[in-house]
C-alpha atoms as a PDB file:
ATOM      1  CA  MET A   1      20.661  -2.061  -5.057  1.00  0.00           C
ATOM      2  CA  LYS A   2      22.986  -1.140  -7.905  1.00  0.00           C
ATOM      3  CA  ARG A   3      23.646  -3.223 -10.997  1.00  0.00           C
ATOM      4  CA  ARG A   4      27.393  -2.708 -10.615  1.00  0.00           C
ATOM      5  CA  ASP A   5      28.099  -3.011  -6.903  1.00  0.00           C
ATOM      6  CA  PHE A   6      24.712  -4.040  -5.484  1.00  0.00           C
ATOM      7  CA  SER A   7      24.992  -1.391  -2.800  1.00  0.00           C
ATOM      8  CA  LEU A   8      23.164   1.781  -1.813  1.00  0.00           C
ATOM      9  CA  SER A   9      23.243   3.597   1.472  1.00  0.00           C
ATOM     10  CA  ALA A  10      20.111   2.787   3.447  1.00  0.00           C
ATOM     11  CA  ALA A  11      20.555   6.049   5.309  1.00  0.00           C
ATOM     12  CA  SER A  12      20.563   7.953   2.040  1.00  0.00           C
ATOM     13  CA  ALA A  13      17.646   5.956   0.685  1.00  0.00           C
ATOM     14  CA  LEU A  14      15.503   6.752   3.717  1.00  0.00           C
ATOM     15  CA  ALA A  15      16.902  10.142   4.726  1.00  0.00           C
ATOM     16  CA  ALA A  16      13.676  12.011   4.031  1.00  0.00           C
ATOM     17  CA  SER A  17      11.351   9.387   5.478  1.00  0.00           C
ATOM     18  CA  ALA A  18      10.143  11.818   8.129  1.00  0.00           C
ATOM     19  CA  LEU A  19       8.819  14.200   5.479  1.00  0.00           C
ATOM     20  CA  SER A  20       5.416  13.844   3.903  1.00  0.00           C
ATOM     21  CA  LEU A  21       5.189  13.676   0.111  1.00  0.00           C
ATOM     22  CA  PRO A  22       3.520  17.124  -0.067  1.00  0.00           C
ATOM     23  CA  ALA A  23       6.356  18.579   2.024  1.00  0.00           C
ATOM     24  CA  LEU A  24       8.921  17.015  -0.279  1.00  0.00           C
ATOM     25  CA  ALA A  25       7.083  18.313  -3.332  1.00  0.00           C
ATOM     26  CA  GLN A  26       7.015  21.833  -1.904  1.00  0.00           C
ATOM     27  CA  SER A  27      10.684  21.788  -0.945  1.00  0.00           C
ATOM     28  CA  GLY A  28      11.678  22.811  -4.462  1.00  0.00           C
ATOM     29  CA  ALA A  29      10.908  22.306  -8.134  1.00  0.00           C
ATOM     30  CA  PHE A  30      11.914  18.916  -9.483  1.00  0.00           C
ATOM     31  CA  LYS A  31      14.443  19.164 -12.286  1.00  0.00           C
ATOM     32  CA  GLU A  32      15.029  16.924 -15.267  1.00  0.00           C
ATOM     33  CA  GLY A  33      18.568  15.570 -15.181  1.00  0.00           C
ATOM     34  CA  LYS A  34      18.751  15.935 -11.411  1.00  0.00           C
ATOM     35  CA  ASP A  35      15.656  14.436  -9.803  1.00  0.00           C
ATOM     36  CA  TYR A  36      14.671  12.335 -12.792  1.00  0.00           C
ATOM     37  CA  ALA A  37      15.778  11.453 -16.304  1.00  0.00           C
ATOM     38  CA  LYS A  38      13.776  11.757 -19.500  1.00  0.00           C
ATOM     39  CA  LEU A  39      14.267   8.726 -21.719  1.00  0.00           C
ATOM     40  CA  ALA A  40      15.900   9.361 -25.086  1.00  0.00           C
ATOM     41  CA  LYS A  41      13.458   6.897 -26.642  1.00  0.00           C
ATOM     42  CA  PRO A  42       9.913   6.610 -25.252  1.00  0.00           C
ATOM     43  CA  VAL A  43       8.784   3.163 -24.110  1.00  0.00           C
ATOM     44  CA  ALA A  44       5.423   1.792 -25.229  1.00  0.00           C
ATOM     45  CA  SER A  45       2.948   1.988 -22.358  1.00  0.00           C
ATOM     46  CA  SER A  46       0.499  -0.754 -21.434  1.00  0.00           C
ATOM     47  CA  ALA A  47      -1.716   1.574 -19.406  1.00  0.00           C
ATOM     48  CA  PRO A  48      -5.382   1.974 -20.410  1.00  0.00           C
ATOM     49  CA  ALA A  49      -6.409   5.140 -22.259  1.00  0.00           C
ATOM     50  CA  GLY A  50      -6.379   8.142 -19.962  1.00  0.00           C
ATOM     51  CA  GLN A  51      -4.087   6.421 -17.451  1.00  0.00           C
ATOM     52  CA  VAL A  52      -0.398   7.056 -16.715  1.00  0.00           C
ATOM     53  CA  GLU A  53       1.728   3.933 -16.371  1.00  0.00           C
ATOM     54  CA  VAL A  54       3.888   3.812 -13.227  1.00  0.00           C
ATOM     55  CA  ILE A  55       6.391   0.982 -12.747  1.00  0.00           C
ATOM     56  CA  GLU A  56       8.289  -0.020  -9.628  1.00  0.00           C
ATOM     57  CA  PHE A  57      11.426  -1.986 -10.530  1.00  0.00           C
ATOM     58  CA  PHE A  58      12.425  -4.305  -7.682  1.00  0.00           C
ATOM     59  CA  TRP A  59      14.311  -7.463  -6.673  1.00  0.00           C
ATOM     60  CA  TYR A  60      13.226  -9.685  -3.795  1.00  0.00           C
ATOM     61  CA  ASN A  61      16.800 -10.130  -2.499  1.00  0.00           C
ATOM     62  CA  CYS A  62      17.394  -6.369  -2.371  1.00  0.00           C
ATOM     63  CA  SER A  63      17.367  -5.107   1.227  1.00  0.00           C
ATOM     64  CA  HIS A  64      16.428  -1.605   0.084  1.00  0.00           C
ATOM     65  CA  CYS A  65      13.456  -2.952  -1.872  1.00  0.00           C
ATOM     66  CA  ASN A  66      12.409  -4.733   1.308  1.00  0.00           C
ATOM     67  CA  GLU A  67      12.648  -1.472   3.261  1.00  0.00           C
ATOM     68  CA  PHE A  68      10.765   0.438   0.571  1.00  0.00           C
ATOM     69  CA  GLU A  69       7.935  -2.078   0.105  1.00  0.00           C
ATOM     70  CA  PRO A  70       5.658  -0.910   2.989  1.00  0.00           C
ATOM     71  CA  THR A  71       6.046   2.727   1.912  1.00  0.00           C
ATOM     72  CA  PHE A  72       5.359   1.856  -1.710  1.00  0.00           C
ATOM     73  CA  ALA A  73       2.344  -0.302  -0.809  1.00  0.00           C
ATOM     74  CA  ASN A  74       0.864   2.557   1.221  1.00  0.00           C
ATOM     75  CA  TRP A  75       1.525   5.018  -1.602  1.00  0.00           C
ATOM     76  CA  VAL A  76      -0.294   2.766  -4.082  1.00  0.00           C
ATOM     77  CA  LYS A  77      -3.444   3.066  -1.954  1.00  0.00           C
ATOM     78  CA  THR A  78      -3.390   6.856  -2.260  1.00  0.00           C
ATOM     79  CA  ALA A  79      -1.757   7.254  -5.689  1.00  0.00           C
ATOM     80  CA  PRO A  80      -3.406   9.599  -8.200  1.00  0.00           C
ATOM     81  CA  LYS A  81      -6.509   7.971  -9.650  1.00  0.00           C
ATOM     82  CA  ASN A  82      -5.109   8.221 -13.171  1.00  0.00           C
ATOM     83  CA  ALA A  83      -2.019   6.165 -12.230  1.00  0.00           C
ATOM     84  CA  SER A  84      -1.834   2.593 -13.540  1.00  0.00           C
ATOM     85  CA  VAL A  85       0.707   1.091 -11.129  1.00  0.00           C
ATOM     86  CA  HIS A  86       2.493  -2.232 -11.392  1.00  0.00           C
ATOM     87  CA  ARG A  87       5.704  -3.894 -10.281  1.00  0.00           C
ATOM     88  CA  VAL A  88       8.440  -5.276 -12.524  1.00  0.00           C
ATOM     89  CA  PRO A  89      11.016  -7.728 -11.096  1.00  0.00           C
ATOM     90  CA  VAL A  90      14.469  -7.084 -12.535  1.00  0.00           C
ATOM     91  CA  ALA A  91      17.259  -9.412 -13.616  1.00  0.00           C
ATOM     92  CA  PHE A  92      20.830  -8.115 -13.578  1.00  0.00           C
ATOM     93  CA  ASN A  93      21.953 -11.645 -14.445  1.00  0.00           C
ATOM     94  CA  ALA A  94      20.408 -15.041 -15.179  1.00  0.00           C
ATOM     95  CA  SER A  95      20.305 -16.059 -11.511  1.00  0.00           C
ATOM     96  CA  PHE A  96      17.462 -13.574 -10.921  1.00  0.00           C
ATOM     97  CA  ALA A  97      15.052 -15.460 -13.214  1.00  0.00           C
ATOM     98  CA  PRO A  98      13.509 -17.787 -10.582  1.00  0.00           C
ATOM     99  CA  GLN A  99      12.389 -14.811  -8.493  1.00  0.00           C
ATOM    100  CA  GLN A 100      11.030 -13.038 -11.573  1.00  0.00           C
ATOM    101  CA  LYS A 101       8.962 -16.133 -12.275  1.00  0.00           C
ATOM    102  CA  LEU A 102       7.918 -16.275  -8.624  1.00  0.00           C
ATOM    103  CA  TYR A 103       6.472 -12.754  -8.767  1.00  0.00           C
ATOM    104  CA  TYR A 104       4.603 -13.305 -12.023  1.00  0.00           C
ATOM    105  CA  THR A 105       3.239 -16.605 -10.719  1.00  0.00           C
ATOM    106  CA  LEU A 106       1.874 -14.826  -7.641  1.00  0.00           C
ATOM    107  CA  GLU A 107       0.383 -12.202  -9.932  1.00  0.00           C
ATOM    108  CA  GLY A 108      -1.166 -14.809 -12.218  1.00  0.00           C
ATOM    109  CA  MET A 109      -2.722 -16.611  -9.257  1.00  0.00           C
ATOM    110  CA  GLY A 110      -4.039 -13.398  -7.712  1.00  0.00           C
ATOM    111  CA  LYS A 111      -1.841 -13.797  -4.637  1.00  0.00           C
ATOM    112  CA  VAL A 112       0.388 -10.714  -4.754  1.00  0.00           C
ATOM    113  CA  ASP A 113      -1.549  -8.929  -2.002  1.00  0.00           C
ATOM    114  CA  GLU A 114      -1.381 -12.037   0.169  1.00  0.00           C
ATOM    115  CA  LEU A 115       2.186 -13.229  -0.402  1.00  0.00           C
ATOM    116  CA  HIS A 116       4.378 -10.505  -1.939  1.00  0.00           C
ATOM    117  CA  ALA A 117       5.336  -8.921   1.400  1.00  0.00           C
ATOM    118  CA  ARG A 118       5.626 -12.404   2.910  1.00  0.00           C
ATOM    119  CA  VAL A 119       8.332 -13.286   0.362  1.00  0.00           C
ATOM    120  CA  PHE A 120      10.325 -10.237   1.434  1.00  0.00           C
ATOM    121  CA  ARG A 121       9.900 -11.234   5.083  1.00  0.00           C
ATOM    122  CA  ALA A 122      11.019 -14.801   4.432  1.00  0.00           C
ATOM    123  CA  ILE A 123      14.225 -13.567   2.792  1.00  0.00           C
ATOM    124  CA  HIS A 124      15.144 -10.567   4.930  1.00  0.00           C
ATOM    125  CA  VAL A 125      13.723 -11.423   8.373  1.00  0.00           C
ATOM    126  CA  GLU A 126      13.606 -15.217   8.413  1.00  0.00           C
ATOM    127  CA  ARG A 127      16.859 -15.417   6.390  1.00  0.00           C
ATOM    128  CA  GLN A 128      15.606 -18.017   3.940  1.00  0.00           C
ATOM    129  CA  ASN A 129      17.383 -18.392   0.614  1.00  0.00           C
ATOM    130  CA  LEU A 130      14.708 -18.219  -2.078  1.00  0.00           C
ATOM    131  CA  SER A 131      17.029 -17.716  -5.021  1.00  0.00           C
ATOM    132  CA  LYS A 132      16.526 -21.121  -6.614  1.00  0.00           C
ATOM    133  CA  GLU A 133      13.461 -22.841  -8.002  1.00  0.00           C
ATOM    134  CA  GLU A 134      13.615 -25.792  -5.593  1.00  0.00           C
ATOM    135  CA  ALA A 135      13.727 -23.502  -2.551  1.00  0.00           C
ATOM    136  CA  ILE A 136      10.860 -21.409  -3.906  1.00  0.00           C
ATOM    137  CA  PHE A 137       8.708 -24.502  -4.383  1.00  0.00           C
ATOM    138  CA  ALA A 138       9.553 -25.805  -0.901  1.00  0.00           C
ATOM    139  CA  TRP A 139       8.657 -22.467   0.703  1.00  0.00           C
ATOM    140  CA  MET A 140       5.451 -22.050  -1.296  1.00  0.00           C
ATOM    141  CA  ALA A 141       4.309 -25.540  -0.288  1.00  0.00           C
ATOM    142  CA  LYS A 142       4.261 -24.331   3.329  1.00  0.00           C
ATOM    143  CA  GLN A 143       2.005 -21.342   2.607  1.00  0.00           C
ATOM    144  CA  PRO A 144      -1.641 -21.859   3.570  1.00  0.00           C
ATOM    145  CA  GLY A 145      -4.136 -22.040   0.743  1.00  0.00           C
ATOM    146  CA  VAL A 146      -1.615 -22.398  -2.094  1.00  0.00           C
ATOM    147  CA  ASP A 147      -2.463 -25.002  -4.729  1.00  0.00           C
ATOM    148  CA  MET A 148       1.034 -26.263  -5.537  1.00  0.00           C
ATOM    149  CA  ALA A 149      -0.021 -28.057  -8.707  1.00  0.00           C
ATOM    150  CA  LYS A 150      -1.442 -24.786 -10.021  1.00  0.00           C
ATOM    151  CA  PHE A 151       1.565 -22.849  -8.749  1.00  0.00           C
ATOM    152  CA  LYS A 152       4.042 -25.073 -10.609  1.00  0.00           C
ATOM    153  CA  GLU A 153       1.899 -25.068 -13.738  1.00  0.00           C
ATOM    154  CA  THR A 154       1.735 -21.255 -13.722  1.00  0.00           C
ATOM    155  CA  TYR A 155       5.424 -20.885 -12.823  1.00  0.00           C
ATOM    156  CA  ASN A 156       6.432 -22.982 -15.838  1.00  0.00           C
ATOM    157  CA  SER A 157       3.833 -21.515 -18.187  1.00  0.00           C
ATOM    158  CA  PHE A 158       4.386 -19.766 -21.500  1.00  0.00           C
ATOM    159  CA  THR A 159       2.558 -16.734 -20.070  1.00  0.00           C
ATOM    160  CA  VAL A 160       5.038 -16.302 -17.216  1.00  0.00           C
ATOM    161  CA  SER A 161       7.985 -16.838 -19.558  1.00  0.00           C
ATOM    162  CA  ASN A 162       6.642 -14.050 -21.775  1.00  0.00           C
ATOM    163  CA  GLN A 163       6.179 -11.766 -18.769  1.00  0.00           C
ATOM    164  CA  VAL A 164       9.785 -12.369 -17.729  1.00  0.00           C
ATOM    165  CA  ARG A 165      10.967 -11.474 -21.230  1.00  0.00           C
ATOM    166  CA  ARG A 166       8.827  -8.337 -21.156  1.00  0.00           C
ATOM    167  CA  ALA A 167      10.240  -7.400 -17.738  1.00  0.00           C
ATOM    168  CA  THR A 168      13.792  -7.733 -19.020  1.00  0.00           C
ATOM    169  CA  GLN A 169      12.939  -5.593 -22.030  1.00  0.00           C
ATOM    170  CA  LEU A 170      11.385  -2.890 -19.844  1.00  0.00           C
ATOM    171  CA  GLN A 171      14.441  -2.928 -17.609  1.00  0.00           C
ATOM    172  CA  GLN A 172      16.637  -2.355 -20.645  1.00  0.00           C
ATOM    173  CA  ASP A 173      14.338   0.286 -22.172  1.00  0.00           C
ATOM    174  CA  TYR A 174      14.325   2.284 -18.937  1.00  0.00           C
ATOM    175  CA  SER A 175      18.106   1.792 -18.487  1.00  0.00           C
ATOM    176  CA  VAL A 176      17.569   0.554 -14.947  1.00  0.00           C
ATOM    177  CA  GLU A 177      20.852   0.698 -13.047  1.00  0.00           C
ATOM    178  CA  GLY A 178      19.592  -0.148  -9.577  1.00  0.00           C
ATOM    179  CA  VAL A 179      16.573  -0.974  -7.469  1.00  0.00           C
ATOM    180  CA  PRO A 180      14.222   0.111  -6.103  1.00  0.00           C
ATOM    181  CA  SER A 181      13.557   2.553  -8.918  1.00  0.00           C
ATOM    182  CA  MET A 182      10.561   3.773 -10.874  1.00  0.00           C
ATOM    183  CA  GLY A 183       9.481   4.534 -14.411  1.00  0.00           C
ATOM    184  CA  VAL A 184       6.633   6.819 -15.402  1.00  0.00           C
ATOM    185  CA  ALA A 185       4.600   7.084 -18.602  1.00  0.00           C
ATOM    186  CA  GLY A 186       7.240   5.359 -20.717  1.00  0.00           C
ATOM    187  CA  ARG A 187       9.166   8.634 -20.654  1.00  0.00           C
ATOM    188  CA  TYR A 188      10.717   9.179 -17.232  1.00  0.00           C
ATOM    189  CA  TYR A 189      12.954   7.311 -14.789  1.00  0.00           C
ATOM    190  CA  THR A 190      13.942   8.089 -11.203  1.00  0.00           C
ATOM    191  CA  ASP A 191      15.568   6.373  -8.233  1.00  0.00           C
ATOM    192  CA  GLY A 192      16.769   7.097  -4.712  1.00  0.00           C
ATOM    193  CA  THR A 193      20.143   8.388  -5.858  1.00  0.00           C
ATOM    194  CA  MET A 194      18.565  10.943  -8.188  1.00  0.00           C
ATOM    195  CA  ALA A 195      15.687  12.015  -5.934  1.00  0.00           C
ATOM    196  CA  GLY A 196      17.758  11.916  -2.741  1.00  0.00           C
ATOM    197  CA  SER A 197      15.585   9.357  -0.936  1.00  0.00           C
ATOM    198  CA  MET A 198      12.862   6.832  -1.660  1.00  0.00           C
ATOM    199  CA  PRO A 199      10.117   9.075  -0.227  1.00  0.00           C
ATOM    200  CA  GLY A 200      11.602  11.686  -2.560  1.00  0.00           C
ATOM    201  CA  VAL A 201      11.183   9.257  -5.445  1.00  0.00           C
ATOM    202  CA  LEU A 202       7.452   9.019  -4.736  1.00  0.00           C
ATOM    203  CA  ALA A 203       7.151  12.797  -4.632  1.00  0.00           C
ATOM    204  CA  VAL A 204       8.918  12.971  -8.005  1.00  0.00           C
ATOM    205  CA  VAL A 205       6.628  10.258  -9.368  1.00  0.00           C
ATOM    206  CA  ASN A 206       3.556  12.216  -8.270  1.00  0.00           C
ATOM    207  CA  HIS A 207       4.978  15.222 -10.103  1.00  0.00           C
ATOM    208  CA  LEU A 208       5.689  13.180 -13.232  1.00  0.00           C
ATOM    209  CA  ILE A 209       2.195  11.695 -13.225  1.00  0.00           C
ATOM    210  CA  GLY A 210       0.847  15.229 -13.203  1.00  0.00           C
ATOM    211  CA  ILE A 211       2.907  16.500 -16.117  1.00  0.00           C
ATOM    212  CA  SER A 212       2.353  13.293 -18.084  1.00  0.00           C
ATOM    213  CA  ALA A 213      -1.414  13.640 -17.776  1.00  0.00           C
ATOM    214  CA  LYS A 214      -1.193  17.127 -19.275  1.00  0.00           C
ATOM    215  CA  ALA A 215       1.065  16.113 -22.167  1.00  0.00           C
END
């Protein structure tokens, strides 16, 4: 989903979905400026020592992020052991903020594994509009096992506000132009347009993790 026109061909994004990541990696050497970009100014990494930070930039309303989520979630389970992986919700304008806060609230309550994919399903399958705070609260109140008092407290907390500010800064530092896209080691950026497909993005990310670990 592009910043400018909020569109990306789903066919292009998933064109290589039939190929395994090793097959994609062996199909040719990945090239800087083609398959990925090297940032002009490195971004400070929050990864522990000896780990390579990997960021997935996403937006809940993005249909391509919804399509990519199962593939990304499966990749996380088999990602290189030295990869420190986390998601960053983007904001191309102020209206995105409620969903940024939603993600960080789920993270703060330890409910990403339980509810992250469910949010995507609510929006893209059940056609619910979860763009505004009131709608988010109403939907969350229907989810089993969610303490709404705690949810609202976390959602409106200073911690979540800081995380949203940090997310916006990371988005700017990586020059994110669309989602889904990924950043690696505070030095590299790639997306489906550059890598040719989202499975291709993951193959590029695996490559970048490898060269970053040797740097």
